Amino acid sequence: MLMVLLQGAQHFVIDGRHFEIDAGTEAERSPTVFMLNIAKDSRLRFFNDSETPLRKVMISAPLPWLQRLFEVQDEAQQSVLRTFFSQHLAHFAFEPGQHIVQSAQKIMQPPPALQGELCSLYLRAQGLDLMWQSLLTMLAEKHELLPAPTLISLRYCERARDFIAGNLDRELTIGRIAREVGCSTSTLQRHFKMHFGMTVFDFIRQKRLEAARAALAQDGIPIAHAAYLAGYNNISSFTTAFRKAYGMTPSQVRAGVPRPDAQRSPPALHTPG
């Protein structure tokens, strides 16, 4: 059973065991994904004791479908999945990234034009995607059992890279980026450098310097503004980092001076006499 709680609190009891999940109020939401393995016939009872309106999606998948996942994972990943699905009431919770949140919202509000079987197929596809993404997150969280780097971590790191590139003007912390892509901060920090050869913060700094350089060259913005775009409060520090990255100062780029490696004369062409 997979529950995506977008708002409100959910309290339920299964086989005498209490579970409480809280995604916050409408003003301060903290979406939560909760996975629960029900390995035998059980009695489930929900309690509606939250004053905040509940917004959630709940889906389930039979074990035979899930077991097919074992066939496409390596041995370490298979071990994690088998352990989880062999234990009655094994559970796993995490803060979802934007992709999972959007999938849940699509289930809650499917396109009005879809009717009948098409709508059923649409909802099923979104549900399977939610289940798959959540299992990937669980595998990534159990990093101590998995070889690294893996294709799973690469997927998360690529999402992190895309999120950073599209949000350079926002405050970017490791915690925020990890929540957006749906993995832990430790997983993101470790595997990002393995896959891309630099830390998350080095990548942020590089992309912001690139944005500042483009704005200087194309729009001629003031150097102080370029420093702000690159995340520097001090123009001197910005100039030093800029020169180290591009071999020239921000003023030279703004003035249209060619890069040093572009000033070399092309090889002479000789025609036969």
C-alpha atoms as a PDB file:
ATOM      1  CA  MET A   1       0.000   0.000   0.000  1.00  0.00           C
ATOM      2  CA  LEU A   2       1.335   3.391  -0.976  1.00  0.00           C
ATOM      3  CA  MET A   3      -0.047   6.625   0.427  1.00  0.00           C
ATOM      4  CA  VAL A   4       0.901  10.082  -0.837  1.00  0.00           C
ATOM      5  CA  LEU A   5      -0.291  12.592   1.747  1.00  0.00           C
ATOM      6  CA  LEU A   6      -0.292  16.120   0.365  1.00  0.00           C
ATOM      7  CA  GLN A   7      -2.072  17.830   3.245  1.00  0.00           C
ATOM      8  CA  GLY A   8      -3.485  16.935   6.653  1.00  0.00           C
ATOM      9  CA  ALA A   9      -2.836  14.050   9.024  1.00  0.00           C
ATOM     10  CA  GLN A  10      -3.761  10.397   8.663  1.00  0.00           C
ATOM     11  CA  HIS A  11      -4.145   8.026  11.592  1.00  0.00           C
ATOM     12  CA  PHE A  12      -4.893   4.347  11.064  1.00  0.00           C
ATOM     13  CA  VAL A  13      -4.541   1.026  12.860  1.00  0.00           C
ATOM     14  CA  ILE A  14      -3.727  -2.289  11.214  1.00  0.00           C
ATOM     15  CA  ASP A  15      -3.539  -5.512  13.213  1.00  0.00           C
ATOM     16  CA  GLY A  16      -3.397  -3.470  16.400  1.00  0.00           C
ATOM     17  CA  ARG A  17      -0.467  -1.360  15.251  1.00  0.00           C
ATOM     18  CA  HIS A  18      -0.944   2.413  15.052  1.00  0.00           C
ATOM     19  CA  PHE A  19       0.467   4.571  12.267  1.00  0.00           C
ATOM     20  CA  GLU A  20       0.273   8.360  12.179  1.00  0.00           C
ATOM     21  CA  ILE A  21       1.359  10.426   9.171  1.00  0.00           C
ATOM     22  CA  ASP A  22       1.274  14.225   9.089  1.00  0.00           C
ATOM     23  CA  ALA A  23       1.711  16.372   5.978  1.00  0.00           C
ATOM     24  CA  GLY A  24       0.989  19.674   7.683  1.00  0.00           C
ATOM     25  CA  THR A  25      -1.684  22.295   7.245  1.00  0.00           C
ATOM     26  CA  GLU A  26      -2.737  24.129   4.109  1.00  0.00           C
ATOM     27  CA  ALA A  27      -0.492  27.057   5.081  1.00  0.00           C
ATOM     28  CA  GLU A  28       2.539  24.906   5.949  1.00  0.00           C
ATOM     29  CA  ARG A  29       2.454  21.738   3.871  1.00  0.00           C
ATOM     30  CA  SER A  30       5.054  19.014   4.084  1.00  0.00           C
ATOM     31  CA  PRO A  31       4.005  16.217   1.679  1.00  0.00           C
ATOM     32  CA  THR A  32       4.852  12.705   2.785  1.00  0.00           C
ATOM     33  CA  VAL A  33       4.978   9.345   1.044  1.00  0.00           C
ATOM     34  CA  PHE A  34       4.276   6.307   3.215  1.00  0.00           C
ATOM     35  CA  MET A  35       4.836   2.751   1.954  1.00  0.00           C
ATOM     36  CA  LEU A  36       3.420  -0.197   3.922  1.00  0.00           C
ATOM     37  CA  ASN A  37       3.828  -3.869   3.125  1.00  0.00           C
ATOM     38  CA  ILE A  38       0.764  -5.932   4.088  1.00  0.00           C
ATOM     39  CA  ALA A  39       1.929  -9.528   3.838  1.00  0.00           C
ATOM     40  CA  LYS A  40      -1.215 -11.230   5.142  1.00  0.00           C
ATOM     41  CA  ASP A  41      -4.938 -10.645   5.523  1.00  0.00           C
ATOM     42  CA  SER A  42      -5.354  -7.809   7.981  1.00  0.00           C
ATOM     43  CA  ARG A  43      -7.909  -5.534   9.562  1.00  0.00           C
ATOM     44  CA  LEU A  44      -7.457  -1.880   8.693  1.00  0.00           C
ATOM     45  CA  ARG A  45      -9.217   0.998  10.416  1.00  0.00           C
ATOM     46  CA  PHE A  46      -8.877   4.704   9.654  1.00  0.00           C
ATOM     47  CA  PHE A  47      -9.504   7.523  12.137  1.00  0.00           C
ATOM     48  CA  ASN A  48     -10.555  10.965  10.936  1.00  0.00           C
ATOM     49  CA  ASP A  49      -9.182  13.001  13.837  1.00  0.00           C
ATOM     50  CA  SER A  50      -7.480  15.773  11.845  1.00  0.00           C
ATOM     51  CA  GLU A  51      -9.025  19.245  11.607  1.00  0.00           C
ATOM     52  CA  THR A  52      -7.091  19.978   8.421  1.00  0.00           C
ATOM     53  CA  PRO A  53      -8.844  18.851   5.201  1.00  0.00           C
ATOM     54  CA  LEU A  54      -7.192  15.662   4.015  1.00  0.00           C
ATOM     55  CA  ARG A  55      -5.648  15.519   0.542  1.00  0.00           C
ATOM     56  CA  LYS A  56      -4.162  12.148  -0.281  1.00  0.00           C
ATOM     57  CA  VAL A  57      -3.752   9.449  -2.904  1.00  0.00           C
ATOM     58  CA  MET A  58      -3.651   5.806  -1.878  1.00  0.00           C
ATOM     59  CA  ILE A  59      -2.813   2.970  -4.246  1.00  0.00           C
ATOM     60  CA  SER A  60      -1.891  -0.685  -3.894  1.00  0.00           C
ATOM     61  CA  ALA A  61      -0.024  -3.224  -5.977  1.00  0.00           C
ATOM     62  CA  PRO A  62      -0.144  -7.036  -5.688  1.00  0.00           C
ATOM     63  CA  LEU A  63       3.025  -8.902  -4.746  1.00  0.00           C
ATOM     64  CA  PRO A  64       3.272 -10.803  -8.098  1.00  0.00           C
ATOM     65  CA  TRP A  65       3.589  -7.479  -9.922  1.00  0.00           C
ATOM     66  CA  LEU A  66       6.193  -6.243  -7.461  1.00  0.00           C
ATOM     67  CA  GLN A  67       8.156  -9.487  -7.637  1.00  0.00           C
ATOM     68  CA  ARG A  68       8.804  -8.856 -11.319  1.00  0.00           C
ATOM     69  CA  LEU A  69      10.892  -5.891 -10.216  1.00  0.00           C
ATOM     70  CA  PHE A  70      13.356  -8.280  -8.609  1.00  0.00           C
ATOM     71  CA  GLU A  71      14.262  -9.635 -12.013  1.00  0.00           C
ATOM     72  CA  VAL A  72      15.562  -6.274 -13.284  1.00  0.00           C
ATOM     73  CA  GLN A  73      17.632  -5.347 -10.213  1.00  0.00           C
ATOM     74  CA  ASP A  74      21.100  -6.449  -9.251  1.00  0.00           C
ATOM     75  CA  GLU A  75      21.690  -8.815  -6.350  1.00  0.00           C
ATOM     76  CA  ALA A  76      22.064  -6.132  -3.671  1.00  0.00           C
ATOM     77  CA  GLN A  77      18.914  -4.349  -4.794  1.00  0.00           C
ATOM     78  CA  GLN A  78      16.999  -7.616  -4.890  1.00  0.00           C
ATOM     79  CA  SER A  79      18.034  -8.223  -1.287  1.00  0.00           C
ATOM     80  CA  VAL A  80      16.579  -4.873  -0.192  1.00  0.00           C
ATOM     81  CA  LEU A  81      13.285  -5.531  -1.977  1.00  0.00           C
ATOM     82  CA  ARG A  82      12.936  -9.096  -0.720  1.00  0.00           C
ATOM     83  CA  THR A  83      13.611  -8.043   2.851  1.00  0.00           C
ATOM     84  CA  PHE A  84      10.971  -5.343   2.706  1.00  0.00           C
ATOM     85  CA  PHE A  85       8.297  -7.509   1.077  1.00  0.00           C
ATOM     86  CA  SER A  86       8.907 -10.472   3.352  1.00  0.00           C
ATOM     87  CA  GLN A  87       8.101  -8.551   6.535  1.00  0.00           C
ATOM     88  CA  HIS A  88       4.494  -7.943   7.509  1.00  0.00           C
ATOM     89  CA  LEU A  89       3.911  -4.223   8.181  1.00  0.00           C
ATOM     90  CA  ALA A  90       7.376  -3.229   7.000  1.00  0.00           C
ATOM     91  CA  HIS A  91       7.151   0.470   6.197  1.00  0.00           C
ATOM     92  CA  PHE A  92       9.149   3.284   4.679  1.00  0.00           C
ATOM     93  CA  ALA A  93       8.424   7.026   4.581  1.00  0.00           C
ATOM     94  CA  PHE A  94      10.101   9.942   2.834  1.00  0.00           C
ATOM     95  CA  GLU A  95       9.563  13.509   1.669  1.00  0.00           C
ATOM     96  CA  PRO A  96       8.685  13.385  -2.042  1.00  0.00           C
ATOM     97  CA  GLY A  97      10.153  15.521  -4.766  1.00  0.00           C
ATOM     98  CA  GLN A  98       8.124  17.549  -7.216  1.00  0.00           C
ATOM     99  CA  HIS A  99       7.758  14.673  -9.681  1.00  0.00           C
ATOM    100  CA  ILE A 100       5.906  12.457  -7.189  1.00  0.00           C
ATOM    101  CA  VAL A 101       3.776  15.351  -5.945  1.00  0.00           C
ATOM    102  CA  GLN A 102       2.746  16.197  -9.498  1.00  0.00           C
ATOM    103  CA  SER A 103       1.876  12.554 -10.243  1.00  0.00           C
ATOM    104  CA  ALA A 104      -0.366  12.458  -7.167  1.00  0.00           C
ATOM    105  CA  GLN A 105      -2.051  15.689  -8.214  1.00  0.00           C
ATOM    106  CA  LYS A 106      -2.673  14.255 -11.682  1.00  0.00           C
ATOM    107  CA  ILE A 107      -4.476  11.315 -10.096  1.00  0.00           C
ATOM    108  CA  MET A 108      -6.589  13.641  -7.977  1.00  0.00           C
ATOM    109  CA  GLN A 109      -7.418  15.861 -10.946  1.00  0.00           C
ATOM    110  CA  PRO A 110      -7.173  13.905 -14.224  1.00  0.00           C
ATOM    111  CA  PRO A 111      -7.688  15.787 -17.511  1.00  0.00           C
ATOM    112  CA  PRO A 112     -11.445  16.402 -18.001  1.00  0.00           C
ATOM    113  CA  ALA A 113     -11.244  15.223 -21.624  1.00  0.00           C
ATOM    114  CA  LEU A 114     -10.315  11.682 -20.549  1.00  0.00           C
ATOM    115  CA  GLN A 115     -13.323   9.442 -20.085  1.00  0.00           C
ATOM    116  CA  GLY A 116     -13.998   5.739 -19.563  1.00  0.00           C
ATOM    117  CA  GLU A 117     -11.175   3.334 -20.354  1.00  0.00           C
ATOM    118  CA  LEU A 118      -8.758   6.109 -21.324  1.00  0.00           C
ATOM    119  CA  CYS A 119      -9.165   7.698 -17.913  1.00  0.00           C
ATOM    120  CA  SER A 120      -8.639   4.321 -16.226  1.00  0.00           C
ATOM    121  CA  LEU A 121      -5.427   3.753 -18.199  1.00  0.00           C
ATOM    122  CA  TYR A 122      -4.242   7.266 -17.347  1.00  0.00           C
ATOM    123  CA  LEU A 123      -4.836   6.764 -13.613  1.00  0.00           C
ATOM    124  CA  ARG A 124      -3.183   3.335 -13.699  1.00  0.00           C
ATOM    125  CA  ALA A 125      -0.106   4.734 -15.442  1.00  0.00           C
ATOM    126  CA  GLN A 126       0.254   7.500 -12.867  1.00  0.00           C
ATOM    127  CA  GLY A 127      -0.225   5.008 -10.025  1.00  0.00           C
ATOM    128  CA  LEU A 128       2.421   2.636 -11.361  1.00  0.00           C
ATOM    129  CA  ASP A 129       4.809   5.545 -11.799  1.00  0.00           C
ATOM    130  CA  LEU A 130       4.229   6.564  -8.175  1.00  0.00           C
ATOM    131  CA  MET A 131       4.923   3.031  -6.994  1.00  0.00           C
ATOM    132  CA  TRP A 132       8.057   2.731  -9.126  1.00  0.00           C
ATOM    133  CA  GLN A 133       9.475   6.113  -8.066  1.00  0.00           C
ATOM    134  CA  SER A 134       8.840   5.324  -4.402  1.00  0.00           C
ATOM    135  CA  LEU A 135      10.610   1.975  -4.669  1.00  0.00           C
ATOM    136  CA  LEU A 136      13.558   3.691  -6.352  1.00  0.00           C
ATOM    137  CA  THR A 137      13.715   6.106  -3.425  1.00  0.00           C
ATOM    138  CA  MET A 138      13.696   3.248  -0.939  1.00  0.00           C
ATOM    139  CA  LEU A 139      16.531   1.516  -2.807  1.00  0.00           C
ATOM    140  CA  ALA A 140      18.531   4.736  -2.890  1.00  0.00           C
ATOM    141  CA  GLU A 141      18.022   5.286   0.836  1.00  0.00           C
ATOM    142  CA  LYS A 142      19.394   1.820   1.591  1.00  0.00           C
ATOM    143  CA  HIS A 143      22.674   2.954   0.061  1.00  0.00           C
ATOM    144  CA  GLU A 144      24.808   1.010   2.515  1.00  0.00           C
ATOM    145  CA  LEU A 145      23.590  -2.216   0.853  1.00  0.00           C
ATOM    146  CA  LEU A 146      23.992  -1.077  -2.721  1.00  0.00           C
ATOM    147  CA  PRO A 147      27.002  -0.696  -5.000  1.00  0.00           C
ATOM    148  CA  ALA A 148      27.762   2.853  -5.967  1.00  0.00           C
ATOM    149  CA  PRO A 149      27.352   4.596  -8.246  1.00  0.00           C
ATOM    150  CA  THR A 150      24.187   2.944  -9.599  1.00  0.00           C
ATOM    151  CA  LEU A 151      21.738   3.807 -12.341  1.00  0.00           C
ATOM    152  CA  ILE A 152      19.242   4.714  -9.634  1.00  0.00           C
ATOM    153  CA  SER A 153      21.539   7.312  -8.112  1.00  0.00           C
ATOM    154  CA  LEU A 154      22.360   8.622 -11.589  1.00  0.00           C
ATOM    155  CA  ARG A 155      18.674   9.283 -12.194  1.00  0.00           C
ATOM    156  CA  TYR A 156      18.405  11.288  -8.980  1.00  0.00           C
ATOM    157  CA  CYS A 157      21.593  13.201  -9.719  1.00  0.00           C
ATOM    158  CA  GLU A 158      20.373  14.080 -13.213  1.00  0.00           C
ATOM    159  CA  ARG A 159      17.142  15.407 -11.718  1.00  0.00           C
ATOM    160  CA  ALA A 160      19.169  17.425  -9.215  1.00  0.00           C
ATOM    161  CA  ARG A 161      21.293  18.840 -12.014  1.00  0.00           C
ATOM    162  CA  ASP A 162      18.189  19.848 -14.002  1.00  0.00           C
ATOM    163  CA  PHE A 163      16.530  21.368 -10.935  1.00  0.00           C
ATOM    164  CA  ILE A 164      19.631  23.427 -10.143  1.00  0.00           C
ATOM    165  CA  ALA A 165      19.942  24.672 -13.726  1.00  0.00           C
ATOM    166  CA  GLY A 166      16.306  25.797 -13.726  1.00  0.00           C
ATOM    167  CA  ASN A 167      16.398  27.500 -10.323  1.00  0.00           C
ATOM    168  CA  LEU A 168      19.670  29.396 -10.170  1.00  0.00           C
ATOM    169  CA  ASP A 169      17.853  32.540  -9.004  1.00  0.00           C
ATOM    170  CA  ARG A 170      16.485  30.766  -5.911  1.00  0.00           C
ATOM    171  CA  GLU A 171      18.123  29.768  -2.644  1.00  0.00           C
ATOM    172  CA  LEU A 172      19.583  26.313  -3.228  1.00  0.00           C
ATOM    173  CA  THR A 173      20.454  24.147  -0.254  1.00  0.00           C
ATOM    174  CA  ILE A 174      21.340  20.458  -0.232  1.00  0.00           C
ATOM    175  CA  GLY A 175      18.204  19.715   1.764  1.00  0.00           C
ATOM    176  CA  ARG A 176      15.931  21.528  -0.646  1.00  0.00           C
ATOM    177  CA  ILE A 177      17.471  19.924  -3.726  1.00  0.00           C
ATOM    178  CA  ALA A 178      17.298  16.453  -2.159  1.00  0.00           C
ATOM    179  CA  ARG A 179      13.606  16.918  -1.311  1.00  0.00           C
ATOM    180  CA  GLU A 180      12.827  18.028  -4.850  1.00  0.00           C
ATOM    181  CA  VAL A 181      14.402  14.959  -6.424  1.00  0.00           C
ATOM    182  CA  GLY A 182      13.254  12.524  -3.752  1.00  0.00           C
ATOM    183  CA  CYS A 183      16.452  11.232  -2.175  1.00  0.00           C
ATOM    184  CA  SER A 184      18.458  11.775   0.997  1.00  0.00           C
ATOM    185  CA  THR A 185      21.042  14.542   1.321  1.00  0.00           C
ATOM    186  CA  SER A 186      23.825  12.007   1.947  1.00  0.00           C
ATOM    187  CA  THR A 187      22.916  10.058  -1.198  1.00  0.00           C
ATOM    188  CA  LEU A 188      22.842  13.228  -3.273  1.00  0.00           C
ATOM    189  CA  GLN A 189      26.142  14.583  -1.980  1.00  0.00           C
ATOM    190  CA  ARG A 190      28.037  11.329  -2.393  1.00  0.00           C
ATOM    191  CA  HIS A 191      26.758  10.208  -5.781  1.00  0.00           C
ATOM    192  CA  PHE A 192      26.612  13.631  -7.461  1.00  0.00           C
ATOM    193  CA  LYS A 193      30.394  13.892  -7.316  1.00  0.00           C
ATOM    194  CA  MET A 194      30.793  10.285  -8.448  1.00  0.00           C
ATOM    195  CA  HIS A 195      28.667  10.872 -11.539  1.00  0.00           C
ATOM    196  CA  PHE A 196      29.649  14.439 -12.496  1.00  0.00           C
ATOM    197  CA  GLY A 197      33.118  14.878 -11.006  1.00  0.00           C
ATOM    198  CA  MET A 198      32.195  17.846  -8.799  1.00  0.00           C
ATOM    199  CA  THR A 199      30.230  18.579  -5.662  1.00  0.00           C
ATOM    200  CA  VAL A 200      26.700  19.949  -5.742  1.00  0.00           C
ATOM    201  CA  PHE A 201      27.931  23.346  -4.561  1.00  0.00           C
ATOM    202  CA  ASP A 202      30.705  23.416  -7.167  1.00  0.00           C
ATOM    203  CA  PHE A 203      28.092  22.739  -9.848  1.00  0.00           C
ATOM    204  CA  ILE A 204      25.847  25.522  -8.527  1.00  0.00           C
ATOM    205  CA  ARG A 205      28.790  27.910  -8.515  1.00  0.00           C
ATOM    206  CA  GLN A 206      29.768  26.903 -12.065  1.00  0.00           C
ATOM    207  CA  LYS A 207      26.253  27.365 -13.479  1.00  0.00           C
ATOM    208  CA  ARG A 208      25.845  30.742 -11.772  1.00  0.00           C
ATOM    209  CA  LEU A 209      29.180  31.923 -13.141  1.00  0.00           C
ATOM    210  CA  GLU A 210      28.060  30.808 -16.609  1.00  0.00           C
ATOM    211  CA  ALA A 211      24.811  32.759 -16.221  1.00  0.00           C
ATOM    212  CA  ALA A 212      26.730  35.845 -15.073  1.00  0.00           C
ATOM    213  CA  ARG A 213      29.153  35.581 -17.984  1.00  0.00           C
ATOM    214  CA  ALA A 214      26.301  35.287 -20.505  1.00  0.00           C
ATOM    215  CA  ALA A 215      24.542  38.307 -18.998  1.00  0.00           C
ATOM    216  CA  LEU A 216      27.748  40.353 -19.141  1.00  0.00           C
ATOM    217  CA  ALA A 217      28.501  39.421 -22.745  1.00  0.00           C
ATOM    218  CA  GLN A 218      24.977  39.625 -24.160  1.00  0.00           C
ATOM    219  CA  ASP A 219      23.263  42.289 -22.047  1.00  0.00           C
ATOM    220  CA  GLY A 220      26.192  44.306 -20.714  1.00  0.00           C
ATOM    221  CA  ILE A 221      24.829  44.263 -17.166  1.00  0.00           C
ATOM    222  CA  PRO A 222      26.815  46.035 -14.406  1.00  0.00           C
ATOM    223  CA  ILE A 223      29.537  43.948 -12.794  1.00  0.00           C
ATOM    224  CA  ALA A 224      27.870  44.332  -9.385  1.00  0.00           C
ATOM    225  CA  HIS A 225      24.704  42.792 -10.837  1.00  0.00           C
ATOM    226  CA  ALA A 226      26.718  39.968 -12.407  1.00  0.00           C
ATOM    227  CA  ALA A 227      28.340  39.279  -9.039  1.00  0.00           C
ATOM    228  CA  TYR A 228      24.881  39.067  -7.487  1.00  0.00           C
ATOM    229  CA  LEU A 229      23.730  36.622 -10.179  1.00  0.00           C
ATOM    230  CA  ALA A 230      26.745  34.444  -9.473  1.00  0.00           C
ATOM    231  CA  GLY A 231      25.979  34.438  -5.740  1.00  0.00           C
ATOM    232  CA  TYR A 232      28.830  36.703  -4.612  1.00  0.00           C
ATOM    233  CA  ASN A 233      28.419  39.602  -2.179  1.00  0.00           C
ATOM    234  CA  ASN A 234      31.921  40.867  -2.869  1.00  0.00           C
ATOM    235  CA  ILE A 235      32.912  42.068  -6.348  1.00  0.00           C
ATOM    236  CA  SER A 236      36.578  41.301  -5.699  1.00  0.00           C
ATOM    237  CA  SER A 237      35.811  37.672  -4.836  1.00  0.00           C
ATOM    238  CA  PHE A 238      33.580  37.425  -7.900  1.00  0.00           C
ATOM    239  CA  THR A 239      36.319  38.841 -10.147  1.00  0.00           C
ATOM    240  CA  THR A 240      38.869  36.387  -8.773  1.00  0.00           C
ATOM    241  CA  ALA A 241      36.567  33.391  -9.311  1.00  0.00           C
ATOM    242  CA  PHE A 242      35.583  34.659 -12.763  1.00  0.00           C
ATOM    243  CA  ARG A 243      39.185  35.108 -13.896  1.00  0.00           C
ATOM    244  CA  LYS A 244      40.079  31.644 -12.607  1.00  0.00           C
ATOM    245  CA  ALA A 245      37.174  30.112 -14.546  1.00  0.00           C
ATOM    246  CA  TYR A 246      37.485  32.020 -17.838  1.00  0.00           C
ATOM    247  CA  GLY A 247      40.994  33.486 -17.933  1.00  0.00           C
ATOM    248  CA  MET A 248      39.714  37.071 -18.157  1.00  0.00           C
ATOM    249  CA  THR A 249      37.967  39.616 -15.965  1.00  0.00           C
ATOM    250  CA  PRO A 250      34.245  40.446 -15.957  1.00  0.00           C
ATOM    251  CA  SER A 251      35.123  43.905 -17.324  1.00  0.00           C
ATOM    252  CA  GLN A 252      36.832  42.369 -20.348  1.00  0.00           C
ATOM    253  CA  VAL A 253      33.840  40.143 -21.096  1.00  0.00           C
ATOM    254  CA  ARG A 254      31.489  43.099 -20.726  1.00  0.00           C
ATOM    255  CA  ALA A 255      33.648  45.127 -23.115  1.00  0.00           C
ATOM    256  CA  GLY A 256      33.625  42.343 -25.696  1.00  0.00           C
ATOM    257  CA  VAL A 257      37.315  41.461 -25.468  1.00  0.00           C
ATOM    258  CA  PRO A 258      37.900  37.999 -27.053  1.00  0.00           C
ATOM    259  CA  ARG A 259      39.020  35.190 -24.789  1.00  0.00           C
ATOM    260  CA  PRO A 260      42.796  34.581 -24.839  1.00  0.00           C
ATOM    261  CA  ASP A 261      42.393  31.235 -26.572  1.00  0.00           C
ATOM    262  CA  ALA A 262      40.334  32.923 -29.281  1.00  0.00           C
ATOM    263  CA  GLN A 263      43.056  35.474 -30.121  1.00  0.00           C
ATOM    264  CA  ARG A 264      45.437  33.006 -31.665  1.00  0.00           C
ATOM    265  CA  SER A 265      45.916  33.453 -35.392  1.00  0.00           C
ATOM    266  CA  PRO A 266      44.476  30.715 -37.531  1.00  0.00           C
ATOM    267  CA  PRO A 267      46.992  28.639 -39.483  1.00  0.00           C
ATOM    268  CA  ALA A 268      48.034  30.236 -42.750  1.00  0.00           C
ATOM    269  CA  LEU A 269      46.652  28.772 -45.933  1.00  0.00           C
ATOM    270  CA  HIS A 270      49.120  28.155 -48.741  1.00  0.00           C
ATOM    271  CA  THR A 271      48.113  27.644 -52.312  1.00  0.00           C
ATOM    272  CA  PRO A 272      50.440  25.875 -54.714  1.00  0.00           C
ATOM    273  CA  GLY A 273      52.435  28.355 -56.873  1.00  0.00           C
END
